Amino acid sequence: MNAIYQIKQKLTKHPTVQYTESPGSITVLPADASGFPVALRVHNDSFTVYFEGWHESFEFEDDALNYFAFGLSEACRLAVVYHGSTPTKWTVECEEKGTWLEESTTGLLFVPFWRARRLAYKQNRLLPAPTESGDAA
């Protein structure tokens, strides 16, 4: 059973969730403007998970699937830095005992630094926080 099929099977438990699919990828759309898209792209021998402009590659399917589910859960949020209206940096944060901790950051190399900087937080709440087994769906 491949990763995209597994995600689609789990999404059947959540009929209000909208997603798009193309060969080798699936993207779950945010439920509202406060969320962010979560995508998985399957390559020949690796997997890449995307949270809007943030991304990370995984060697193992289970790791990619767990991180994909994490992005849909209330235990994850995305801190997005804008310069003007341009998003320039995305930081994945995880909630631990009421505190948000930075986990990983992806940013643009060239930033319109002359524009006003602002920080916005985005969060999906499609799934509960993952359990110890890592399975939120």
N, C-alpha and C. Protein backbone atom coordinates (compact mmCIF):
# COMPACT_ATOMS: atom_id res chain seq x y z
N MET A 1 0.85 -1.18 0.00
CA MET A 1 0.00 0.00 0.00
C MET A 1 0.90 1.24 0.00
N ASN A 2 0.73 2.14 -1.00
CA ASN A 2 1.62 3.30 -1.05
C ASN A 2 1.11 4.44 -0.16
N ALA A 3 1.97 5.43 0.05
CA ALA A 3 1.71 6.51 0.99
C ALA A 3 0.46 7.31 0.63
N ILE A 4 0.29 7.64 -0.63
CA ILE A 4 -0.86 8.44 -1.04
C ILE A 4 -2.16 7.67 -0.81
N TYR A 5 -2.15 6.39 -1.12
CA TYR A 5 -3.32 5.55 -0.87
C TYR A 5 -3.65 5.52 0.63
N GLN A 6 -2.62 5.38 1.46
CA GLN A 6 -2.84 5.34 2.91
C GLN A 6 -3.47 6.64 3.40
N ILE A 7 -2.99 7.78 2.90
CA ILE A 7 -3.55 9.07 3.30
C ILE A 7 -5.02 9.15 2.88
N LYS A 8 -5.31 8.77 1.65
CA LYS A 8 -6.69 8.81 1.16
C LYS A 8 -7.60 7.92 2.00
N GLN A 9 -7.11 6.76 2.39
CA GLN A 9 -7.90 5.85 3.24
C GLN A 9 -8.22 6.52 4.58
N LYS A 10 -7.22 7.16 5.17
CA LYS A 10 -7.44 7.81 6.47
C LYS A 10 -8.35 9.02 6.34
N LEU A 11 -8.30 9.70 5.20
CA LEU A 11 -9.15 10.88 4.99
C LEU A 11 -10.62 10.50 4.86
N THR A 12 -10.93 9.24 4.56
CA THR A 12 -12.33 8.83 4.48
C THR A 12 -13.02 8.96 5.84
N LYS A 13 -12.23 8.97 6.91
CA LYS A 13 -12.78 9.17 8.26
C LYS A 13 -13.12 10.63 8.52
N HIS A 14 -12.69 11.52 7.61
CA HIS A 14 -12.88 12.96 7.77
C HIS A 14 -13.50 13.52 6.48
N PRO A 15 -14.80 13.27 6.26
CA PRO A 15 -15.42 13.61 4.98
C PRO A 15 -15.44 15.09 4.63
N THR A 16 -15.25 15.97 5.59
CA THR A 16 -15.27 17.41 5.29
C THR A 16 -13.92 17.91 4.78
N VAL A 17 -12.88 17.10 4.92
CA VAL A 17 -11.55 17.50 4.48
C VAL A 17 -11.48 17.46 2.95
N GLN A 18 -10.98 18.55 2.38
CA GLN A 18 -10.82 18.62 0.93
C GLN A 18 -9.35 18.41 0.58
N TYR A 19 -9.12 17.71 -0.53
CA TYR A 19 -7.75 17.49 -0.98
C TYR A 19 -7.70 17.43 -2.49
N THR A 20 -6.49 17.65 -3.01
CA THR A 20 -6.25 17.48 -4.44
C THR A 20 -5.19 16.41 -4.59
N GLU A 21 -5.24 15.75 -5.74
CA GLU A 21 -4.29 14.67 -5.99
C GLU A 21 -3.78 14.76 -7.42
N SER A 22 -2.51 14.48 -7.59
CA SER A 22 -1.92 14.36 -8.92
C SER A 22 -0.97 13.18 -8.87
N PRO A 23 -0.48 12.73 -10.01
CA PRO A 23 0.44 11.58 -9.97
C PRO A 23 1.64 11.86 -9.06
N GLY A 24 1.78 11.06 -8.03
CA GLY A 24 2.91 11.19 -7.12
C GLY A 24 2.75 12.22 -6.01
N SER A 25 1.56 12.82 -5.86
CA SER A 25 1.40 13.80 -4.77
C SER A 25 -0.05 13.92 -4.33
N ILE A 26 -0.20 14.40 -3.11
CA ILE A 26 -1.52 14.70 -2.55
C ILE A 26 -1.37 15.94 -1.68
N THR A 27 -2.37 16.81 -1.73
CA THR A 27 -2.37 18.04 -0.93
C THR A 27 -3.69 18.16 -0.21
N VAL A 28 -3.64 18.27 1.11
CA VAL A 28 -4.83 18.53 1.91
C VAL A 28 -4.94 20.03 2.06
N LEU A 29 -6.11 20.55 1.68
CA LEU A 29 -6.35 21.99 1.72
C LEU A 29 -6.75 22.42 3.13
N PRO A 30 -6.38 23.65 3.51
CA PRO A 30 -6.77 24.11 4.85
C PRO A 30 -8.29 24.27 4.95
N ALA A 31 -8.82 24.05 6.13
CA ALA A 31 -10.26 24.16 6.35
C ALA A 31 -10.72 25.61 6.31
N ASP A 32 -9.82 26.54 6.63
CA ASP A 32 -10.15 27.96 6.62
C ASP A 32 -8.87 28.78 6.43
N ALA A 33 -9.01 30.10 6.45
CA ALA A 33 -7.88 30.99 6.16
C ALA A 33 -6.80 30.95 7.24
N SER A 34 -7.11 30.39 8.40
CA SER A 34 -6.10 30.34 9.47
C SER A 34 -5.20 29.11 9.36
N GLY A 35 -5.48 28.23 8.40
CA GLY A 35 -4.69 27.02 8.22
C GLY A 35 -3.72 27.14 7.07
N PHE A 36 -3.08 26.03 6.74
CA PHE A 36 -2.11 25.98 5.65
C PHE A 36 -2.23 24.63 4.95
N PRO A 37 -1.89 24.59 3.64
CA PRO A 37 -1.94 23.31 2.93
C PRO A 37 -0.83 22.37 3.39
N VAL A 38 -1.13 21.09 3.41
CA VAL A 38 -0.17 20.05 3.76
C VAL A 38 -0.09 19.09 2.58
N ALA A 39 1.13 18.90 2.06
CA ALA A 39 1.28 18.07 0.86
C ALA A 39 2.35 17.00 1.07
N LEU A 40 2.20 15.93 0.31
CA LEU A 40 3.20 14.87 0.26
C LEU A 40 3.51 14.61 -1.21
N ARG A 41 4.79 14.60 -1.52
CA ARG A 41 5.23 14.25 -2.87
C ARG A 41 6.11 13.00 -2.73
N VAL A 42 5.80 12.01 -3.53
CA VAL A 42 6.54 10.75 -3.50
C VAL A 42 7.52 10.75 -4.66
N HIS A 43 8.79 10.54 -4.34
CA HIS A 43 9.84 10.45 -5.34
C HIS A 43 10.25 8.99 -5.44
N ASN A 44 11.17 8.68 -6.30
CA ASN A 44 11.59 7.28 -6.48
C ASN A 44 12.00 6.62 -5.18
N ASP A 45 12.84 7.27 -4.40
CA ASP A 45 13.36 6.65 -3.18
C ASP A 45 13.26 7.55 -1.96
N SER A 46 12.40 8.58 -2.03
CA SER A 46 12.22 9.46 -0.87
C SER A 46 10.85 10.11 -0.93
N PHE A 47 10.53 10.82 0.14
CA PHE A 47 9.24 11.48 0.31
C PHE A 47 9.50 12.90 0.79
N THR A 48 8.76 13.87 0.26
CA THR A 48 8.88 15.24 0.72
C THR A 48 7.54 15.71 1.23
N VAL A 49 7.54 16.25 2.45
CA VAL A 49 6.34 16.81 3.07
C VAL A 49 6.45 18.32 2.99
N TYR A 50 5.34 18.96 2.61
CA TYR A 50 5.29 20.42 2.48
C TYR A 50 4.21 20.97 3.39
N PHE A 51 4.54 22.02 4.12
CA PHE A 51 3.56 22.82 4.86
C PHE A 51 3.68 24.22 4.26
N GLU A 52 2.81 24.54 3.33
CA GLU A 52 2.86 25.80 2.60
C GLU A 52 4.24 25.95 1.96
N GLY A 53 5.09 26.90 2.39
CA GLY A 53 6.42 27.09 1.80
C GLY A 53 7.52 26.28 2.47
N TRP A 54 7.22 25.67 3.59
CA TRP A 54 8.19 24.84 4.31
C TRP A 54 8.19 23.44 3.69
N HIS A 55 9.34 22.77 3.71
CA HIS A 55 9.40 21.40 3.22
C HIS A 55 10.55 20.65 3.89
N GLU A 56 10.40 19.34 3.92
CA GLU A 56 11.45 18.47 4.44
C GLU A 56 11.34 17.12 3.76
N SER A 57 12.50 16.54 3.43
CA SER A 57 12.54 15.22 2.79
C SER A 57 12.71 14.14 3.83
N PHE A 58 12.11 13.00 3.56
CA PHE A 58 12.18 11.84 4.44
C PHE A 58 12.57 10.62 3.62
N GLU A 59 13.40 9.80 4.20
CA GLU A 59 13.83 8.57 3.52
C GLU A 59 12.79 7.47 3.68
N PHE A 60 12.11 7.46 4.83
CA PHE A 60 11.19 6.38 5.14
C PHE A 60 9.74 6.85 5.06
N GLU A 61 8.91 6.01 4.45
CA GLU A 61 7.49 6.32 4.26
C GLU A 61 6.78 6.61 5.58
N ASP A 62 6.99 5.77 6.59
CA ASP A 62 6.31 5.97 7.88
C ASP A 62 6.64 7.33 8.50
N ASP A 63 7.89 7.75 8.41
CA ASP A 63 8.28 9.06 8.94
C ASP A 63 7.55 10.18 8.21
N ALA A 64 7.46 10.08 6.88
CA ALA A 64 6.77 11.09 6.08
C ALA A 64 5.28 11.11 6.42
N LEU A 65 4.67 9.95 6.55
CA LEU A 65 3.24 9.88 6.88
C LEU A 65 2.95 10.46 8.25
N ASN A 66 3.81 10.17 9.22
CA ASN A 66 3.61 10.72 10.56
C ASN A 66 3.74 12.24 10.57
N TYR A 67 4.71 12.76 9.81
CA TYR A 67 4.90 14.21 9.77
C TYR A 67 3.76 14.88 9.01
N PHE A 68 3.26 14.22 7.97
CA PHE A 68 2.10 14.71 7.24
C PHE A 68 0.92 14.86 8.20
N ALA A 69 0.64 13.82 8.99
CA ALA A 69 -0.47 13.86 9.96
C ALA A 69 -0.22 14.93 11.02
N PHE A 70 1.03 15.09 11.44
CA PHE A 70 1.38 16.13 12.41
C PHE A 70 0.98 17.51 11.87
N GLY A 71 1.23 17.76 10.59
CA GLY A 71 0.89 19.05 9.99
C GLY A 71 -0.59 19.34 9.97
N LEU A 72 -1.41 18.31 10.00
CA LEU A 72 -2.86 18.49 10.03
C LEU A 72 -3.40 18.59 11.45
N SER A 73 -2.55 18.36 12.43
CA SER A 73 -3.02 18.27 13.82
C SER A 73 -2.92 19.60 14.55
N GLU A 74 -3.61 19.67 15.66
CA GLU A 74 -3.59 20.86 16.50
C GLU A 74 -2.27 21.00 17.27
N ALA A 75 -1.41 20.00 17.22
CA ALA A 75 -0.11 20.06 17.91
C ALA A 75 0.95 20.76 17.07
N CYS A 76 0.59 21.18 15.86
CA CYS A 76 1.54 21.81 14.94
C CYS A 76 1.03 23.19 14.55
N ARG A 77 1.95 24.15 14.44
CA ARG A 77 1.59 25.43 13.84
C ARG A 77 2.76 25.92 13.01
N LEU A 78 2.47 26.83 12.10
CA LEU A 78 3.45 27.35 11.17
C LEU A 78 3.58 28.84 11.42
N ALA A 79 4.79 29.27 11.78
CA ALA A 79 5.08 30.70 11.95
C ALA A 79 5.60 31.20 10.61
N VAL A 80 4.90 32.15 10.01
CA VAL A 80 5.26 32.65 8.69
C VAL A 80 5.68 34.11 8.80
N VAL A 81 6.89 34.40 8.33
CA VAL A 81 7.39 35.77 8.29
C VAL A 81 7.10 36.33 6.90
N TYR A 82 6.49 37.51 6.88
CA TYR A 82 6.21 38.22 5.64
C TYR A 82 7.05 39.48 5.60
N HIS A 83 7.47 39.84 4.40
CA HIS A 83 8.02 41.16 4.14
C HIS A 83 7.06 41.78 3.14
N GLY A 84 6.29 42.77 3.60
CA GLY A 84 5.18 43.25 2.80
C GLY A 84 4.17 42.12 2.71
N SER A 85 3.74 41.81 1.50
CA SER A 85 2.79 40.71 1.32
C SER A 85 3.47 39.42 0.89
N THR A 86 4.81 39.42 0.88
CA THR A 86 5.57 38.25 0.42
C THR A 86 5.99 37.37 1.60
N PRO A 87 5.54 36.11 1.64
CA PRO A 87 6.04 35.20 2.68
C PRO A 87 7.49 34.86 2.38
N THR A 88 8.35 34.93 3.42
CA THR A 88 9.79 34.74 3.21
C THR A 88 10.41 33.66 4.09
N LYS A 89 9.72 33.27 5.17
CA LYS A 89 10.28 32.26 6.06
C LYS A 89 9.14 31.51 6.75
N TRP A 90 9.30 30.19 6.84
CA TRP A 90 8.30 29.33 7.46
C TRP A 90 8.98 28.49 8.53
N THR A 91 8.47 28.55 9.76
CA THR A 91 9.02 27.77 10.86
C THR A 91 7.93 26.86 11.43
N VAL A 92 8.20 25.56 11.43
CA VAL A 92 7.29 24.59 12.03
C VAL A 92 7.52 24.61 13.53
N GLU A 93 6.42 24.74 14.26
CA GLU A 93 6.49 24.71 15.72
C GLU A 93 5.61 23.58 16.24
N CYS A 94 6.05 22.98 17.35
CA CYS A 94 5.25 21.93 17.98
C CYS A 94 4.92 22.37 19.40
N GLU A 95 3.74 21.98 19.84
CA GLU A 95 3.27 22.34 21.17
C GLU A 95 3.67 21.25 22.14
N GLU A 96 4.34 21.66 23.21
CA GLU A 96 4.74 20.72 24.25
C GLU A 96 4.45 21.34 25.61
N LYS A 97 3.52 20.75 26.32
CA LYS A 97 3.16 21.20 27.66
C LYS A 97 2.81 22.69 27.68
N GLY A 98 2.04 23.14 26.69
CA GLY A 98 1.57 24.51 26.65
C GLY A 98 2.55 25.52 26.07
N THR A 99 3.71 25.07 25.62
CA THR A 99 4.72 25.96 25.06
C THR A 99 4.98 25.56 23.61
N TRP A 100 5.07 26.56 22.73
CA TRP A 100 5.39 26.30 21.33
C TRP A 100 6.89 26.32 21.14
N LEU A 101 7.42 25.23 20.59
CA LEU A 101 8.85 25.09 20.36
C LEU A 101 9.15 25.05 18.87
N GLU A 102 10.18 25.79 18.45
CA GLU A 102 10.58 25.77 17.04
C GLU A 102 11.21 24.43 16.72
N GLU A 103 10.82 23.89 15.57
CA GLU A 103 11.32 22.58 15.17
C GLU A 103 12.19 22.63 13.92
N SER A 104 11.74 23.38 12.90
CA SER A 104 12.46 23.41 11.63
C SER A 104 12.05 24.65 10.85
N THR A 105 13.00 25.23 10.10
CA THR A 105 12.74 26.46 9.34
C THR A 105 13.19 26.32 7.90
N THR A 106 12.38 26.86 6.99
CA THR A 106 12.73 26.99 5.58
C THR A 106 12.52 28.45 5.22
N GLY A 107 13.46 29.03 4.48
CA GLY A 107 13.32 30.43 4.10
C GLY A 107 13.84 30.70 2.70
N LEU A 108 13.43 31.84 2.18
CA LEU A 108 13.90 32.28 0.87
C LEU A 108 15.31 32.85 0.99
N LEU A 109 16.10 32.72 -0.06
CA LEU A 109 17.44 33.30 -0.09
C LEU A 109 17.39 34.80 -0.30
N PHE A 110 16.52 35.24 -1.17
CA PHE A 110 16.40 36.67 -1.49
C PHE A 110 15.09 37.18 -0.92
N VAL A 111 15.21 38.17 -0.04
CA VAL A 111 14.07 38.68 0.71
C VAL A 111 13.91 40.17 0.43
N PRO A 112 12.70 40.65 0.18
CA PRO A 112 12.51 42.10 0.02
C PRO A 112 12.57 42.78 1.39
N PHE A 113 13.77 42.90 1.93
CA PHE A 113 14.00 43.37 3.30
C PHE A 113 13.52 44.80 3.53
N TRP A 114 13.34 45.56 2.48
CA TRP A 114 12.92 46.95 2.60
C TRP A 114 11.43 47.07 2.91
N ARG A 115 10.70 45.99 2.76
CA ARG A 115 9.27 46.00 3.07
C ARG A 115 9.05 45.70 4.55
N ALA A 116 7.92 46.16 5.07
CA ALA A 116 7.61 45.94 6.49
C ALA A 116 7.52 44.45 6.80
N ARG A 117 8.14 44.07 7.91
CA ARG A 117 8.16 42.67 8.35
C ARG A 117 7.01 42.44 9.31
N ARG A 118 6.36 41.30 9.15
CA ARG A 118 5.33 40.89 10.11
C ARG A 118 5.34 39.38 10.26
N LEU A 119 4.85 38.91 11.38
CA LEU A 119 4.81 37.49 11.70
C LEU A 119 3.36 37.06 11.84
N ALA A 120 3.01 35.96 11.20
CA ALA A 120 1.66 35.40 11.30
C ALA A 120 1.77 33.92 11.65
N TYR A 121 0.81 33.46 12.43
CA TYR A 121 0.77 32.04 12.79
C TYR A 121 -0.40 31.38 12.08
N LYS A 122 -0.16 30.20 11.52
CA LYS A 122 -1.19 29.42 10.86
C LYS A 122 -1.24 28.06 11.54
N GLN A 123 -2.46 27.53 11.63
CA GLN A 123 -2.59 26.23 12.29
C GLN A 123 -3.79 25.48 11.73
N ASN A 124 -3.58 24.22 11.45
CA ASN A 124 -4.66 23.31 11.07
C ASN A 124 -5.15 22.64 12.34
N ARG A 125 -6.41 22.38 12.37
CA ARG A 125 -6.98 21.65 13.50
C ARG A 125 -7.88 20.53 12.98
N LEU A 126 -7.41 19.92 11.89
CA LEU A 126 -8.20 18.86 11.27
C LEU A 126 -8.15 17.56 12.05
N LEU A 127 -7.05 17.34 12.76
CA LEU A 127 -6.85 16.11 13.53
C LEU A 127 -6.45 16.47 14.95
N PRO A 128 -6.74 15.60 15.90
CA PRO A 128 -6.24 15.82 17.26
C PRO A 128 -4.72 15.66 17.28
N ALA A 129 -4.10 16.08 18.35
CA ALA A 129 -2.66 15.91 18.49
C ALA A 129 -2.31 14.44 18.35
N PRO A 130 -1.19 14.13 17.66
CA PRO A 130 -0.79 12.72 17.50
C PRO A 130 -0.60 12.03 18.85
N THR A 131 -0.89 10.75 18.87
CA THR A 131 -0.67 9.95 20.07
C THR A 131 0.78 9.51 20.10
N GLU A 132 1.15 8.80 21.13
CA GLU A 132 2.53 8.32 21.25
C GLU A 132 2.93 7.44 20.07
N SER A 133 1.98 6.76 19.46
CA SER A 133 2.30 5.91 18.32
C SER A 133 2.53 6.74 17.06
N GLY A 134 2.20 8.07 17.13
CA GLY A 134 2.41 8.95 15.99
C GLY A 134 1.24 8.95 15.02
N ASP A 135 0.15 8.27 15.34
CA ASP A 135 -0.96 8.17 14.42
C ASP A 135 -2.10 9.06 14.86
N ALA A 136 -2.28 10.19 14.17
CA ALA A 136 -3.33 11.13 14.54
C ALA A 136 -4.62 10.88 13.77
N ALA A 137 -4.55 10.22 12.66
CA ALA A 137 -5.75 10.03 11.84
C ALA A 137 -6.37 8.76 12.21
